Amino acid sequence: MLANEWVTSEGAGAWLQIQCPASVRIWKIRLRGRASGSERITSWNIAGSTGGAFTTLITSTTTLGSTAQEFSVNAAAAYSIYRLNVVAAEPTNTGISHFQIFTRNI
């Protein structure tokens, strides 16, 4: 495992979130799986919240491999928390090495 990777043994049901100091509206995300190219997330979603319930913004079955991938997000609202939820993954130490959000002016 690289020091800059987020890794979990939980697999499906695991999550990782970015909490912003203020609510922002996003239009794109960039994700990259583990540098090894194995132990990949195979199904996932991104959800947003302002501290209460989460709203799903994008759902995908695109496997997150060792190359960064960008995904468009049409967030109708601004949120202060953006969460990557793992829906399905390869066994053992599933993880990612890059999770970036792109904001737009509100």
N, C-alpha and C. Protein backbone atom coordinates (compact mmCIF):
# COMPACT_ATOMS: atom_id res chain seq x y z
N MET A 1 0.84 -1.17 0.00
CA MET A 1 0.00 0.00 0.00
C MET A 1 0.89 1.24 0.00
N LEU A 2 0.53 2.20 -0.82
CA LEU A 2 1.22 3.48 -0.83
C LEU A 2 0.69 4.36 0.30
N ALA A 3 1.50 5.24 0.80
CA ALA A 3 1.11 6.10 1.91
C ALA A 3 -0.02 7.05 1.54
N ASN A 4 -0.21 7.30 0.26
CA ASN A 4 -1.24 8.25 -0.17
C ASN A 4 -2.49 7.56 -0.71
N GLU A 5 -2.74 6.32 -0.33
CA GLU A 5 -3.94 5.61 -0.74
C GLU A 5 -4.88 5.43 0.44
N TRP A 6 -6.17 5.48 0.15
CA TRP A 6 -7.19 5.13 1.13
C TRP A 6 -7.54 3.67 0.87
N VAL A 7 -7.42 2.84 1.89
CA VAL A 7 -7.63 1.40 1.75
C VAL A 7 -8.52 0.91 2.89
N THR A 8 -9.43 -0.01 2.56
CA THR A 8 -10.30 -0.59 3.57
C THR A 8 -10.47 -2.08 3.32
N SER A 9 -10.66 -2.82 4.36
CA SER A 9 -10.95 -4.25 4.22
C SER A 9 -12.45 -4.48 4.16
N GLU A 10 -13.25 -3.42 4.31
CA GLU A 10 -14.70 -3.53 4.35
C GLU A 10 -15.32 -3.85 2.99
N GLY A 11 -14.79 -3.29 1.89
CA GLY A 11 -15.38 -3.52 0.57
C GLY A 11 -16.72 -2.83 0.45
N ALA A 12 -17.75 -3.56 -0.03
CA ALA A 12 -19.08 -2.98 -0.19
C ALA A 12 -19.56 -2.43 1.16
N GLY A 13 -20.09 -1.22 1.12
CA GLY A 13 -20.55 -0.57 2.33
C GLY A 13 -19.56 0.45 2.88
N ALA A 14 -18.32 0.40 2.41
CA ALA A 14 -17.32 1.37 2.85
C ALA A 14 -17.60 2.72 2.18
N TRP A 15 -17.08 3.78 2.77
CA TRP A 15 -17.22 5.10 2.17
C TRP A 15 -16.05 6.00 2.56
N LEU A 16 -15.86 7.00 1.73
CA LEU A 16 -14.83 8.02 1.95
C LEU A 16 -15.46 9.35 1.58
N GLN A 17 -15.25 10.37 2.40
CA GLN A 17 -15.90 11.64 2.09
C GLN A 17 -14.95 12.82 2.17
N ILE A 18 -15.33 13.85 1.41
CA ILE A 18 -14.65 15.14 1.44
C ILE A 18 -15.62 16.11 2.10
N GLN A 19 -15.15 16.81 3.14
CA GLN A 19 -15.98 17.82 3.78
C GLN A 19 -15.39 19.19 3.47
N CYS A 20 -16.17 20.01 2.82
CA CYS A 20 -15.74 21.36 2.44
C CYS A 20 -16.09 22.34 3.56
N PRO A 21 -15.34 23.44 3.69
CA PRO A 21 -15.64 24.42 4.74
C PRO A 21 -16.96 25.16 4.50
N ALA A 22 -17.44 25.16 3.26
CA ALA A 22 -18.73 25.78 2.91
C ALA A 22 -19.35 24.93 1.80
N SER A 23 -20.64 25.10 1.60
CA SER A 23 -21.32 24.35 0.54
C SER A 23 -20.82 24.79 -0.83
N VAL A 24 -20.56 23.81 -1.70
CA VAL A 24 -20.13 24.06 -3.07
C VAL A 24 -20.93 23.16 -3.99
N ARG A 25 -21.11 23.61 -5.22
CA ARG A 25 -21.79 22.82 -6.24
C ARG A 25 -20.73 22.23 -7.15
N ILE A 26 -20.78 20.93 -7.38
CA ILE A 26 -19.77 20.29 -8.22
C ILE A 26 -20.33 19.98 -9.60
N TRP A 27 -19.43 19.88 -10.57
CA TRP A 27 -19.82 19.55 -11.94
C TRP A 27 -19.02 18.37 -12.48
N LYS A 28 -17.94 18.00 -11.77
CA LYS A 28 -17.11 16.89 -12.23
C LYS A 28 -16.35 16.32 -11.05
N ILE A 29 -16.03 15.01 -11.14
CA ILE A 29 -15.16 14.37 -10.17
C ILE A 29 -14.06 13.63 -10.92
N ARG A 30 -12.94 13.41 -10.23
CA ARG A 30 -11.86 12.60 -10.78
C ARG A 30 -11.52 11.54 -9.73
N LEU A 31 -11.53 10.28 -10.16
CA LEU A 31 -11.24 9.15 -9.27
C LEU A 31 -10.16 8.28 -9.87
N ARG A 32 -9.37 7.70 -9.01
CA ARG A 32 -8.34 6.74 -9.44
C ARG A 32 -8.29 5.63 -8.41
N GLY A 33 -8.31 4.40 -8.89
CA GLY A 33 -8.21 3.25 -7.99
C GLY A 33 -6.80 3.13 -7.44
N ARG A 34 -6.53 2.02 -6.81
CA ARG A 34 -5.21 1.79 -6.23
C ARG A 34 -4.14 1.73 -7.31
N ALA A 35 -2.95 2.18 -6.99
CA ALA A 35 -1.84 2.22 -7.95
C ALA A 35 -1.48 0.83 -8.47
N SER A 36 -1.74 -0.19 -7.68
CA SER A 36 -1.44 -1.57 -8.09
C SER A 36 -2.34 -2.05 -9.22
N GLY A 37 -3.49 -1.38 -9.41
CA GLY A 37 -4.45 -1.82 -10.44
C GLY A 37 -5.27 -3.01 -10.00
N SER A 38 -5.13 -3.42 -8.75
CA SER A 38 -5.92 -4.53 -8.23
C SER A 38 -6.71 -4.05 -7.02
N GLU A 39 -7.52 -4.94 -6.45
CA GLU A 39 -8.35 -4.60 -5.29
C GLU A 39 -9.19 -3.36 -5.59
N ARG A 40 -9.89 -3.44 -6.70
CA ARG A 40 -10.59 -2.29 -7.27
C ARG A 40 -12.04 -2.18 -6.80
N ILE A 41 -12.53 -0.95 -6.81
CA ILE A 41 -13.95 -0.68 -6.60
C ILE A 41 -14.62 -0.88 -7.95
N THR A 42 -15.66 -1.70 -8.00
CA THR A 42 -16.31 -2.05 -9.27
C THR A 42 -17.70 -1.44 -9.44
N SER A 43 -18.27 -0.92 -8.38
CA SER A 43 -19.56 -0.24 -8.44
C SER A 43 -19.59 0.77 -7.30
N TRP A 44 -20.05 1.99 -7.58
CA TRP A 44 -19.96 3.04 -6.59
C TRP A 44 -20.96 4.15 -6.89
N ASN A 45 -21.11 5.06 -5.94
CA ASN A 45 -21.89 6.27 -6.18
C ASN A 45 -21.28 7.42 -5.40
N ILE A 46 -21.64 8.63 -5.83
CA ILE A 46 -21.25 9.85 -5.14
C ILE A 46 -22.54 10.48 -4.62
N ALA A 47 -22.53 10.85 -3.35
CA ALA A 47 -23.69 11.48 -2.73
C ALA A 47 -23.26 12.77 -2.06
N GLY A 48 -24.20 13.70 -1.94
CA GLY A 48 -23.92 14.98 -1.31
C GLY A 48 -24.84 15.21 -0.12
N SER A 49 -24.37 16.01 0.85
CA SER A 49 -25.17 16.32 2.03
C SER A 49 -24.74 17.67 2.58
N THR A 50 -25.64 18.29 3.30
CA THR A 50 -25.31 19.51 4.04
C THR A 50 -25.34 19.23 5.53
N GLY A 51 -25.20 17.98 5.90
CA GLY A 51 -25.17 17.59 7.31
C GLY A 51 -26.31 16.68 7.70
N GLY A 52 -27.26 16.49 6.82
CA GLY A 52 -28.39 15.60 7.09
C GLY A 52 -28.33 14.37 6.19
N ALA A 53 -29.44 14.06 5.56
CA ALA A 53 -29.52 12.92 4.65
C ALA A 53 -28.66 13.18 3.41
N PHE A 54 -28.18 12.09 2.80
CA PHE A 54 -27.38 12.20 1.58
C PHE A 54 -28.27 12.05 0.35
N THR A 55 -27.94 12.81 -0.70
CA THR A 55 -28.62 12.73 -1.99
C THR A 55 -27.64 12.13 -2.99
N THR A 56 -28.03 11.04 -3.65
CA THR A 56 -27.16 10.42 -4.65
C THR A 56 -27.09 11.29 -5.89
N LEU A 57 -25.88 11.60 -6.35
CA LEU A 57 -25.67 12.49 -7.49
C LEU A 57 -25.25 11.73 -8.74
N ILE A 58 -24.53 10.64 -8.58
CA ILE A 58 -24.08 9.82 -9.71
C ILE A 58 -23.88 8.40 -9.21
N THR A 59 -24.30 7.44 -10.03
CA THR A 59 -24.09 6.02 -9.75
C THR A 59 -23.37 5.42 -10.94
N SER A 60 -22.38 4.55 -10.69
CA SER A 60 -21.61 4.00 -11.79
C SER A 60 -21.16 2.57 -11.50
N THR A 61 -21.04 1.80 -12.58
CA THR A 61 -20.44 0.46 -12.50
C THR A 61 -19.10 0.45 -13.23
N THR A 62 -18.54 1.64 -13.42
CA THR A 62 -17.20 1.76 -14.02
C THR A 62 -16.17 1.37 -12.97
N THR A 63 -15.36 0.37 -13.28
CA THR A 63 -14.32 -0.08 -12.35
C THR A 63 -13.24 0.99 -12.24
N LEU A 64 -12.84 1.28 -11.00
CA LEU A 64 -11.81 2.29 -10.76
C LEU A 64 -10.45 1.60 -10.76
N GLY A 65 -9.72 1.76 -11.86
CA GLY A 65 -8.41 1.14 -12.03
C GLY A 65 -7.29 2.10 -11.68
N SER A 66 -6.10 1.80 -12.18
CA SER A 66 -4.91 2.57 -11.81
C SER A 66 -4.72 3.84 -12.64
N THR A 67 -5.66 4.13 -13.54
CA THR A 67 -5.63 5.36 -14.33
C THR A 67 -6.75 6.27 -13.86
N ALA A 68 -6.48 7.55 -13.66
CA ALA A 68 -7.50 8.51 -13.23
C ALA A 68 -8.59 8.62 -14.30
N GLN A 69 -9.82 8.68 -13.82
CA GLN A 69 -10.98 8.82 -14.71
C GLN A 69 -11.83 9.97 -14.23
N GLU A 70 -12.42 10.72 -15.17
CA GLU A 70 -13.29 11.84 -14.83
C GLU A 70 -14.73 11.50 -15.16
N PHE A 71 -15.64 11.99 -14.32
CA PHE A 71 -17.06 11.73 -14.47
C PHE A 71 -17.81 13.04 -14.29
N SER A 72 -18.75 13.32 -15.18
CA SER A 72 -19.59 14.51 -15.06
C SER A 72 -20.62 14.30 -13.97
N VAL A 73 -20.88 15.35 -13.23
CA VAL A 73 -21.88 15.33 -12.16
C VAL A 73 -22.76 16.55 -12.35
N ASN A 74 -24.06 16.33 -12.44
CA ASN A 74 -24.98 17.45 -12.61
C ASN A 74 -25.66 17.71 -11.28
N ALA A 75 -24.91 18.27 -10.34
CA ALA A 75 -25.46 18.57 -9.01
C ALA A 75 -26.35 19.80 -9.09
N ALA A 76 -27.61 19.63 -8.78
CA ALA A 76 -28.56 20.74 -8.84
C ALA A 76 -28.44 21.65 -7.62
N ALA A 77 -27.81 21.15 -6.57
CA ALA A 77 -27.67 21.93 -5.33
C ALA A 77 -26.22 21.91 -4.88
N ALA A 78 -25.92 22.78 -3.94
CA ALA A 78 -24.60 22.84 -3.33
C ALA A 78 -24.62 22.03 -2.04
N TYR A 79 -23.54 21.30 -1.78
CA TYR A 79 -23.41 20.49 -0.57
C TYR A 79 -22.05 20.76 0.07
N SER A 80 -21.96 20.53 1.37
CA SER A 80 -20.68 20.70 2.05
C SER A 80 -19.94 19.38 2.22
N ILE A 81 -20.65 18.27 2.04
CA ILE A 81 -20.04 16.94 2.17
C ILE A 81 -20.31 16.15 0.89
N TYR A 82 -19.25 15.58 0.34
CA TYR A 82 -19.37 14.70 -0.83
C TYR A 82 -18.78 13.35 -0.45
N ARG A 83 -19.58 12.29 -0.64
CA ARG A 83 -19.19 10.96 -0.18
C ARG A 83 -19.13 9.98 -1.35
N LEU A 84 -18.02 9.24 -1.41
CA LEU A 84 -17.88 8.11 -2.33
C LEU A 84 -18.32 6.87 -1.57
N ASN A 85 -19.41 6.25 -2.01
CA ASN A 85 -19.93 5.03 -1.41
C ASN A 85 -19.54 3.83 -2.26
N VAL A 86 -18.94 2.83 -1.65
CA VAL A 86 -18.57 1.61 -2.35
C VAL A 86 -19.77 0.67 -2.36
N VAL A 87 -20.26 0.33 -3.56
CA VAL A 87 -21.40 -0.58 -3.71
C VAL A 87 -20.91 -2.01 -3.91
N ALA A 88 -19.85 -2.18 -4.71
CA ALA A 88 -19.25 -3.50 -4.93
C ALA A 88 -17.76 -3.32 -5.18
N ALA A 89 -16.97 -4.34 -4.78
CA ALA A 89 -15.52 -4.23 -4.92
C ALA A 89 -14.89 -5.61 -4.93
N GLU A 90 -13.66 -5.64 -5.45
CA GLU A 90 -12.87 -6.86 -5.37
C GLU A 90 -12.51 -7.10 -3.91
N PRO A 91 -12.27 -8.35 -3.52
CA PRO A 91 -12.03 -8.66 -2.11
C PRO A 91 -10.71 -8.10 -1.56
N THR A 92 -10.59 -8.14 -0.31
CA THR A 92 -9.46 -7.74 0.54
C THR A 92 -9.32 -6.24 0.65
N ASN A 93 -8.20 -5.68 0.27
CA ASN A 93 -7.89 -4.28 0.56
C ASN A 93 -8.30 -3.33 -0.56
N THR A 94 -9.59 -3.12 -0.70
CA THR A 94 -10.13 -2.22 -1.70
C THR A 94 -9.75 -0.79 -1.37
N GLY A 95 -9.51 0.02 -2.40
CA GLY A 95 -9.20 1.41 -2.11
C GLY A 95 -9.08 2.29 -3.33
N ILE A 96 -8.75 3.55 -3.08
CA ILE A 96 -8.51 4.53 -4.14
C ILE A 96 -7.28 5.35 -3.79
N SER A 97 -6.70 5.95 -4.81
CA SER A 97 -5.53 6.80 -4.58
C SER A 97 -5.80 8.26 -4.95
N HIS A 98 -6.99 8.56 -5.50
CA HIS A 98 -7.28 9.94 -5.89
C HIS A 98 -8.79 10.16 -5.87
N PHE A 99 -9.24 11.20 -5.19
CA PHE A 99 -10.65 11.59 -5.13
C PHE A 99 -10.67 13.11 -5.16
N GLN A 100 -11.10 13.68 -6.27
CA GLN A 100 -11.08 15.13 -6.46
C GLN A 100 -12.44 15.59 -6.93
N ILE A 101 -12.89 16.71 -6.39
CA ILE A 101 -14.14 17.32 -6.85
C ILE A 101 -13.82 18.64 -7.54
N PHE A 102 -14.60 18.96 -8.56
CA PHE A 102 -14.46 20.23 -9.29
C PHE A 102 -15.71 21.04 -9.03
N THR A 103 -15.52 22.26 -8.55
CA THR A 103 -16.66 23.09 -8.18
C THR A 103 -16.98 24.12 -9.26
N ARG A 104 -18.20 24.59 -9.20
CA ARG A 104 -18.62 25.70 -10.08
C ARG A 104 -19.19 26.79 -9.20
N ASN A 105 -19.09 28.01 -9.68
CA ASN A 105 -19.63 29.14 -8.93
C ASN A 105 -21.14 29.03 -8.82
N ILE A 106 -21.66 29.35 -7.68
CA ILE A 106 -23.11 29.27 -7.46
C ILE A 106 -23.74 30.62 -7.75
